[in-house]
Amino acid sequence: MKKFLTGAIGAIGMLVAPVAASAADSLTYEEVAHCAAFNLFASDIYGGGSDPEKTKDKSEKFKNQAVALMVAGVALSKKEAEVVVNDVKARKQVMWDMINDADKVNKLIQDNTKNCNMLGEVAAEALAKNTK
């Protein structure tokens, strides 16, 4: 699965490079990687709740947004897909490490939900348009 995901991100990254390049003036790799990690974090939370079937759609939405952001990260940074995936996973782990500190988690969610969801939606739309 990991090799498939890495390969898919690398291949799709080549397709969306022009879109990501046009956004490069306003977006940084740091922002994209951070939001990819936050979207994965949100996906995990929705996927692991008390009733994961009820939140499955939200979990999938955030996971798809994270993948699209990782693709954009590959295109923006010109890094290997595996490097971006590992970076995003490490960033997500930092977020998970805050889970027992309610103040930190609440601040993380408050500071990132709106912007990272919006960026994820835009990335997912761009990816969908460029892979048809």
N, C-alpha and C. Protein backbone atom coordinates (compact mmCIF):
# COMPACT_ATOMS: atom_id res chain seq x y z
N MET A 1 0.82 -1.19 0.00
CA MET A 1 0.00 0.00 0.00
C MET A 1 0.87 1.25 0.00
N LYS A 2 1.91 1.27 0.84
CA LYS A 2 2.78 2.43 0.93
C LYS A 2 3.45 2.70 -0.41
N LYS A 3 3.96 1.64 -1.06
CA LYS A 3 4.61 1.82 -2.35
C LYS A 3 3.61 2.31 -3.39
N PHE A 4 2.38 1.78 -3.36
CA PHE A 4 1.35 2.22 -4.30
C PHE A 4 1.05 3.69 -4.10
N LEU A 5 0.84 4.10 -2.84
CA LEU A 5 0.54 5.49 -2.54
C LEU A 5 1.67 6.40 -2.98
N THR A 6 2.90 6.01 -2.66
CA THR A 6 4.06 6.81 -3.05
C THR A 6 4.14 6.92 -4.56
N GLY A 7 3.96 5.82 -5.27
CA GLY A 7 4.00 5.85 -6.73
C GLY A 7 2.88 6.69 -7.32
N ALA A 8 1.69 6.56 -6.75
CA ALA A 8 0.55 7.33 -7.25
C ALA A 8 0.77 8.82 -7.04
N ILE A 9 1.28 9.18 -5.87
CA ILE A 9 1.53 10.59 -5.61
C ILE A 9 2.57 11.13 -6.56
N GLY A 10 3.61 10.36 -6.81
CA GLY A 10 4.64 10.81 -7.75
C GLY A 10 4.10 11.00 -9.15
N ALA A 11 3.30 10.05 -9.62
CA ALA A 11 2.74 10.14 -10.97
C ALA A 11 1.75 11.29 -11.08
N ILE A 12 0.89 11.43 -10.11
CA ILE A 12 -0.11 12.50 -10.15
C ILE A 12 0.56 13.86 -9.98
N GLY A 13 1.64 13.90 -9.20
CA GLY A 13 2.37 15.15 -9.01
C GLY A 13 2.84 15.73 -10.32
N MET A 14 3.22 14.87 -11.24
CA MET A 14 3.65 15.35 -12.55
C MET A 14 2.48 15.98 -13.31
N LEU A 15 1.29 15.46 -13.11
CA LEU A 15 0.11 15.99 -13.79
C LEU A 15 -0.32 17.35 -13.26
N VAL A 16 -0.17 17.54 -11.95
CA VAL A 16 -0.65 18.79 -11.36
C VAL A 16 0.45 19.83 -11.17
N ALA A 17 1.63 19.54 -11.62
CA ALA A 17 2.73 20.48 -11.45
C ALA A 17 2.40 21.87 -11.98
N PRO A 18 1.77 22.02 -13.17
CA PRO A 18 1.45 23.37 -13.62
C PRO A 18 0.48 24.10 -12.69
N VAL A 19 -0.49 23.39 -12.14
CA VAL A 19 -1.44 24.01 -11.21
C VAL A 19 -0.71 24.43 -9.95
N ALA A 20 0.11 23.55 -9.41
CA ALA A 20 0.84 23.87 -8.19
C ALA A 20 1.84 24.99 -8.45
N ALA A 21 2.44 24.98 -9.61
CA ALA A 21 3.42 26.03 -9.92
C ALA A 21 2.75 27.39 -9.96
N SER A 22 1.52 27.45 -10.47
CA SER A 22 0.83 28.74 -10.52
C SER A 22 0.43 29.20 -9.12
N ALA A 23 0.28 28.27 -8.20
CA ALA A 23 -0.06 28.62 -6.82
C ALA A 23 1.19 28.86 -5.98
N ALA A 24 2.35 28.57 -6.55
CA ALA A 24 3.60 28.65 -5.79
C ALA A 24 3.88 30.05 -5.27
N ASP A 25 3.36 31.07 -5.93
CA ASP A 25 3.58 32.43 -5.46
C ASP A 25 2.97 32.66 -4.09
N SER A 26 1.86 31.99 -3.81
CA SER A 26 1.17 32.25 -2.55
C SER A 26 1.27 31.10 -1.55
N LEU A 27 1.65 29.92 -1.98
CA LEU A 27 1.73 28.77 -1.09
C LEU A 27 3.17 28.31 -0.92
N THR A 28 3.46 27.84 0.27
CA THR A 28 4.77 27.26 0.51
C THR A 28 4.61 25.77 0.77
N TYR A 29 5.69 25.05 0.62
CA TYR A 29 5.68 23.64 0.94
C TYR A 29 5.30 23.44 2.40
N GLU A 30 5.81 24.29 3.27
CA GLU A 30 5.52 24.17 4.70
C GLU A 30 4.02 24.22 4.97
N GLU A 31 3.32 25.15 4.34
CA GLU A 31 1.87 25.27 4.53
C GLU A 31 1.15 24.04 4.00
N VAL A 32 1.55 23.60 2.83
CA VAL A 32 0.90 22.44 2.21
C VAL A 32 1.15 21.18 3.03
N ALA A 33 2.38 20.96 3.45
CA ALA A 33 2.70 19.77 4.25
C ALA A 33 2.00 19.81 5.61
N HIS A 34 1.95 20.99 6.22
CA HIS A 34 1.26 21.12 7.51
C HIS A 34 -0.22 20.79 7.34
N CYS A 35 -0.85 21.34 6.31
CA CYS A 35 -2.28 21.10 6.11
C CYS A 35 -2.55 19.65 5.69
N ALA A 36 -1.63 19.04 4.95
CA ALA A 36 -1.79 17.62 4.62
C ALA A 36 -1.79 16.80 5.91
N ALA A 37 -0.87 17.11 6.81
CA ALA A 37 -0.81 16.40 8.10
C ALA A 37 -2.07 16.64 8.91
N PHE A 38 -2.54 17.89 8.93
CA PHE A 38 -3.75 18.21 9.69
C PHE A 38 -4.95 17.46 9.11
N ASN A 39 -5.05 17.37 7.79
CA ASN A 39 -6.16 16.64 7.17
C ASN A 39 -6.07 15.15 7.49
N LEU A 40 -4.86 14.58 7.52
CA LEU A 40 -4.71 13.18 7.93
C LEU A 40 -5.11 13.00 9.39
N PHE A 41 -4.72 13.94 10.22
CA PHE A 41 -5.08 13.92 11.64
C PHE A 41 -6.61 13.93 11.78
N ALA A 42 -7.27 14.83 11.05
CA ALA A 42 -8.74 14.91 11.09
C ALA A 42 -9.36 13.61 10.58
N SER A 43 -8.80 13.05 9.52
CA SER A 43 -9.30 11.78 8.99
C SER A 43 -9.21 10.68 10.03
N ASP A 44 -8.09 10.62 10.72
CA ASP A 44 -7.92 9.61 11.78
C ASP A 44 -8.94 9.80 12.89
N ILE A 45 -9.17 11.04 13.28
CA ILE A 45 -10.13 11.31 14.35
C ILE A 45 -11.53 10.87 13.94
N TYR A 46 -11.95 11.26 12.75
CA TYR A 46 -13.28 10.86 12.28
C TYR A 46 -13.36 9.35 12.07
N GLY A 47 -12.27 8.76 11.61
CA GLY A 47 -12.27 7.32 11.35
C GLY A 47 -12.21 6.47 12.60
N GLY A 48 -11.80 7.06 13.71
CA GLY A 48 -11.65 6.27 14.92
C GLY A 48 -12.60 6.66 16.03
N GLY A 49 -13.63 7.39 15.69
CA GLY A 49 -14.59 7.82 16.70
C GLY A 49 -15.42 6.68 17.25
N SER A 50 -16.38 7.03 18.08
CA SER A 50 -17.22 6.01 18.71
C SER A 50 -18.13 5.30 17.72
N ASP A 51 -18.44 5.96 16.60
CA ASP A 51 -19.26 5.33 15.56
C ASP A 51 -18.66 5.66 14.19
N PRO A 52 -17.57 4.96 13.83
CA PRO A 52 -16.85 5.29 12.60
C PRO A 52 -17.70 5.19 11.32
N GLU A 53 -18.74 4.38 11.34
CA GLU A 53 -19.60 4.27 10.15
C GLU A 53 -20.32 5.59 9.87
N LYS A 54 -20.72 6.29 10.93
CA LYS A 54 -21.42 7.56 10.76
C LYS A 54 -20.50 8.66 10.24
N THR A 55 -19.21 8.55 10.53
CA THR A 55 -18.27 9.60 10.13
C THR A 55 -17.32 9.15 9.02
N LYS A 56 -17.64 8.01 8.40
CA LYS A 56 -16.79 7.46 7.35
C LYS A 56 -16.60 8.45 6.20
N ASP A 57 -17.67 9.12 5.78
CA ASP A 57 -17.58 10.08 4.67
C ASP A 57 -16.63 11.22 5.01
N LYS A 58 -16.72 11.74 6.22
CA LYS A 58 -15.82 12.83 6.63
C LYS A 58 -14.38 12.34 6.68
N SER A 59 -14.19 11.15 7.21
CA SER A 59 -12.85 10.59 7.28
C SER A 59 -12.25 10.46 5.88
N GLU A 60 -13.02 9.93 4.95
CA GLU A 60 -12.55 9.77 3.57
C GLU A 60 -12.28 11.13 2.92
N LYS A 61 -13.15 12.09 3.17
CA LYS A 61 -12.96 13.43 2.60
C LYS A 61 -11.61 14.00 3.04
N PHE A 62 -11.33 13.94 4.33
CA PHE A 62 -10.08 14.50 4.83
C PHE A 62 -8.87 13.70 4.34
N LYS A 63 -9.02 12.39 4.21
CA LYS A 63 -7.91 11.58 3.70
C LYS A 63 -7.63 11.95 2.24
N ASN A 64 -8.68 12.11 1.44
CA ASN A 64 -8.50 12.49 0.04
C ASN A 64 -7.87 13.87 -0.09
N GLN A 65 -8.28 14.78 0.78
CA GLN A 65 -7.69 16.12 0.78
C GLN A 65 -6.21 16.04 1.14
N ALA A 66 -5.87 15.20 2.09
CA ALA A 66 -4.47 15.06 2.49
C ALA A 66 -3.63 14.52 1.34
N VAL A 67 -4.16 13.54 0.63
CA VAL A 67 -3.43 12.98 -0.51
C VAL A 67 -3.23 14.06 -1.58
N ALA A 68 -4.28 14.84 -1.86
CA ALA A 68 -4.16 15.91 -2.85
C ALA A 68 -3.12 16.94 -2.41
N LEU A 69 -3.09 17.25 -1.12
CA LEU A 69 -2.10 18.19 -0.62
C LEU A 69 -0.69 17.62 -0.70
N MET A 70 -0.55 16.33 -0.48
CA MET A 70 0.77 15.71 -0.63
C MET A 70 1.23 15.76 -2.08
N VAL A 71 0.30 15.55 -2.99
CA VAL A 71 0.62 15.66 -4.42
C VAL A 71 1.10 17.08 -4.72
N ALA A 72 0.38 18.07 -4.21
CA ALA A 72 0.79 19.46 -4.40
C ALA A 72 2.15 19.70 -3.75
N GLY A 73 2.39 19.09 -2.61
CA GLY A 73 3.67 19.23 -1.94
C GLY A 73 4.82 18.68 -2.76
N VAL A 74 4.58 17.55 -3.42
CA VAL A 74 5.60 16.98 -4.31
C VAL A 74 5.90 17.96 -5.45
N ALA A 75 4.84 18.50 -6.04
CA ALA A 75 5.01 19.42 -7.15
C ALA A 75 5.68 20.72 -6.72
N LEU A 76 5.26 21.26 -5.58
CA LEU A 76 5.83 22.52 -5.10
C LEU A 76 7.30 22.39 -4.70
N SER A 77 7.62 21.31 -4.03
CA SER A 77 8.95 21.16 -3.45
C SER A 77 9.94 20.46 -4.38
N LYS A 78 9.41 19.74 -5.36
CA LYS A 78 10.22 18.91 -6.25
C LYS A 78 10.99 17.83 -5.46
N LYS A 79 10.42 17.47 -4.31
CA LYS A 79 10.99 16.38 -3.50
C LYS A 79 10.38 15.07 -3.99
N GLU A 80 11.05 13.99 -3.68
CA GLU A 80 10.51 12.67 -3.98
C GLU A 80 9.23 12.46 -3.19
N ALA A 81 8.29 11.73 -3.77
CA ALA A 81 7.00 11.49 -3.12
C ALA A 81 7.17 10.85 -1.75
N GLU A 82 8.08 9.90 -1.65
CA GLU A 82 8.28 9.20 -0.38
C GLU A 82 8.77 10.17 0.71
N VAL A 83 9.58 11.15 0.33
CA VAL A 83 10.08 12.14 1.29
C VAL A 83 8.92 12.98 1.81
N VAL A 84 8.03 13.39 0.90
CA VAL A 84 6.88 14.20 1.30
C VAL A 84 5.94 13.38 2.18
N VAL A 85 5.65 12.16 1.80
CA VAL A 85 4.78 11.29 2.59
C VAL A 85 5.35 11.11 4.00
N ASN A 86 6.63 10.83 4.11
CA ASN A 86 7.25 10.64 5.42
C ASN A 86 7.24 11.92 6.24
N ASP A 87 7.46 13.06 5.59
CA ASP A 87 7.41 14.34 6.29
C ASP A 87 6.01 14.60 6.84
N VAL A 88 5.00 14.37 6.01
CA VAL A 88 3.62 14.60 6.43
C VAL A 88 3.25 13.66 7.58
N LYS A 89 3.66 12.41 7.49
CA LYS A 89 3.37 11.45 8.57
C LYS A 89 4.04 11.88 9.87
N ALA A 90 5.25 12.39 9.79
CA ALA A 90 5.95 12.86 10.99
C ALA A 90 5.23 14.06 11.60
N ARG A 91 4.75 14.96 10.75
CA ARG A 91 4.01 16.12 11.23
C ARG A 91 2.69 15.69 11.89
N LYS A 92 2.04 14.70 11.29
CA LYS A 92 0.79 14.19 11.88
C LYS A 92 1.07 13.57 13.25
N GLN A 93 2.18 12.87 13.37
CA GLN A 93 2.52 12.26 14.66
C GLN A 93 2.71 13.32 15.75
N VAL A 94 3.29 14.45 15.39
CA VAL A 94 3.45 15.54 16.35
C VAL A 94 2.07 15.99 16.83
N MET A 95 1.11 16.04 15.91
CA MET A 95 -0.26 16.43 16.27
C MET A 95 -0.86 15.39 17.20
N TRP A 96 -0.65 14.11 16.89
CA TRP A 96 -1.18 13.04 17.75
C TRP A 96 -0.55 13.08 19.13
N ASP A 97 0.69 13.50 19.20
CA ASP A 97 1.38 13.55 20.49
C ASP A 97 0.75 14.59 21.42
N MET A 98 -0.06 15.50 20.87
CA MET A 98 -0.75 16.52 21.67
C MET A 98 -2.09 16.04 22.20
N ILE A 99 -2.54 14.87 21.80
CA ILE A 99 -3.92 14.44 22.00
C ILE A 99 -4.35 14.45 23.47
N ASN A 100 -3.44 14.26 24.38
CA ASN A 100 -3.81 14.23 25.80
C ASN A 100 -3.79 15.60 26.46
N ASP A 101 -3.43 16.62 25.71
CA ASP A 101 -3.42 17.99 26.22
C ASP A 101 -4.56 18.75 25.54
N ALA A 102 -5.69 18.84 26.21
CA ALA A 102 -6.89 19.43 25.62
C ALA A 102 -6.67 20.84 25.10
N ASP A 103 -5.91 21.64 25.83
CA ASP A 103 -5.67 23.02 25.39
C ASP A 103 -4.91 23.05 24.07
N LYS A 104 -3.88 22.23 23.96
CA LYS A 104 -3.08 22.20 22.73
C LYS A 104 -3.91 21.67 21.55
N VAL A 105 -4.66 20.61 21.79
CA VAL A 105 -5.48 20.04 20.70
C VAL A 105 -6.55 21.02 20.27
N ASN A 106 -7.21 21.66 21.22
CA ASN A 106 -8.24 22.64 20.88
C ASN A 106 -7.65 23.79 20.08
N LYS A 107 -6.47 24.26 20.46
CA LYS A 107 -5.81 25.34 19.72
C LYS A 107 -5.44 24.87 18.32
N LEU A 108 -4.90 23.67 18.21
CA LEU A 108 -4.55 23.10 16.91
C LEU A 108 -5.77 23.07 16.00
N ILE A 109 -6.88 22.57 16.52
CA ILE A 109 -8.11 22.47 15.73
C ILE A 109 -8.64 23.86 15.38
N GLN A 110 -8.67 24.74 16.35
CA GLN A 110 -9.18 26.09 16.12
C GLN A 110 -8.33 26.84 15.09
N ASP A 111 -7.02 26.70 15.19
CA ASP A 111 -6.12 27.44 14.30
C ASP A 111 -6.06 26.89 12.88
N ASN A 112 -6.43 25.62 12.69
CA ASN A 112 -6.18 24.99 11.40
C ASN A 112 -7.39 24.49 10.63
N THR A 113 -8.50 24.27 11.28
CA THR A 113 -9.63 23.64 10.61
C THR A 113 -10.06 24.39 9.36
N LYS A 114 -10.33 25.67 9.49
CA LYS A 114 -10.86 26.43 8.36
C LYS A 114 -9.87 26.48 7.20
N ASN A 115 -8.66 26.93 7.46
CA ASN A 115 -7.68 27.11 6.38
C ASN A 115 -7.24 25.79 5.76
N CYS A 116 -6.98 24.79 6.58
CA CYS A 116 -6.51 23.51 6.04
C CYS A 116 -7.61 22.77 5.31
N ASN A 117 -8.86 22.91 5.76
CA ASN A 117 -9.97 22.30 5.03
C ASN A 117 -10.13 22.99 3.67
N MET A 118 -10.08 24.32 3.67
CA MET A 118 -10.23 25.06 2.42
C MET A 118 -9.10 24.72 1.45
N LEU A 119 -7.87 24.70 1.94
CA LEU A 119 -6.73 24.36 1.09
C LEU A 119 -6.85 22.93 0.58
N GLY A 120 -7.30 22.03 1.44
CA GLY A 120 -7.49 20.64 1.04
C GLY A 120 -8.56 20.49 -0.03
N GLU A 121 -9.65 21.24 0.11
CA GLU A 121 -10.71 21.18 -0.90
C GLU A 121 -10.21 21.69 -2.25
N VAL A 122 -9.46 22.79 -2.24
CA VAL A 122 -8.91 23.33 -3.48
C VAL A 122 -7.95 22.34 -4.12
N ALA A 123 -7.09 21.73 -3.32
CA ALA A 123 -6.13 20.76 -3.84
C ALA A 123 -6.84 19.54 -4.42
N ALA A 124 -7.89 19.07 -3.73
CA ALA A 124 -8.64 17.91 -4.22
C ALA A 124 -9.34 18.23 -5.54
N GLU A 125 -9.90 19.43 -5.65
CA GLU A 125 -10.54 19.85 -6.91
C GLU A 125 -9.52 19.94 -8.04
N ALA A 126 -8.38 20.54 -7.76
CA ALA A 126 -7.34 20.66 -8.78
C ALA A 126 -6.85 19.29 -9.23
N LEU A 127 -6.68 18.40 -8.28
CA LEU A 127 -6.23 17.04 -8.60
C LEU A 127 -7.26 16.33 -9.45
N ALA A 128 -8.53 16.46 -9.09
CA ALA A 128 -9.61 15.81 -9.85
C ALA A 128 -9.65 16.33 -11.29
N LYS A 129 -9.50 17.63 -11.45
CA LYS A 129 -9.53 18.23 -12.79
C LYS A 129 -8.35 17.77 -13.64
N ASN A 130 -7.21 17.59 -13.02
CA ASN A 130 -6.00 17.25 -13.77
C ASN A 130 -5.77 15.77 -13.93
N THR A 131 -6.65 14.94 -13.42
CA THR A 131 -6.50 13.51 -13.59
C THR A 131 -7.61 12.90 -14.41
N LYS A 132 -8.45 13.75 -14.98
CA LYS A 132 -9.55 13.25 -15.83
C LYS A 132 -9.09 13.10 -17.25
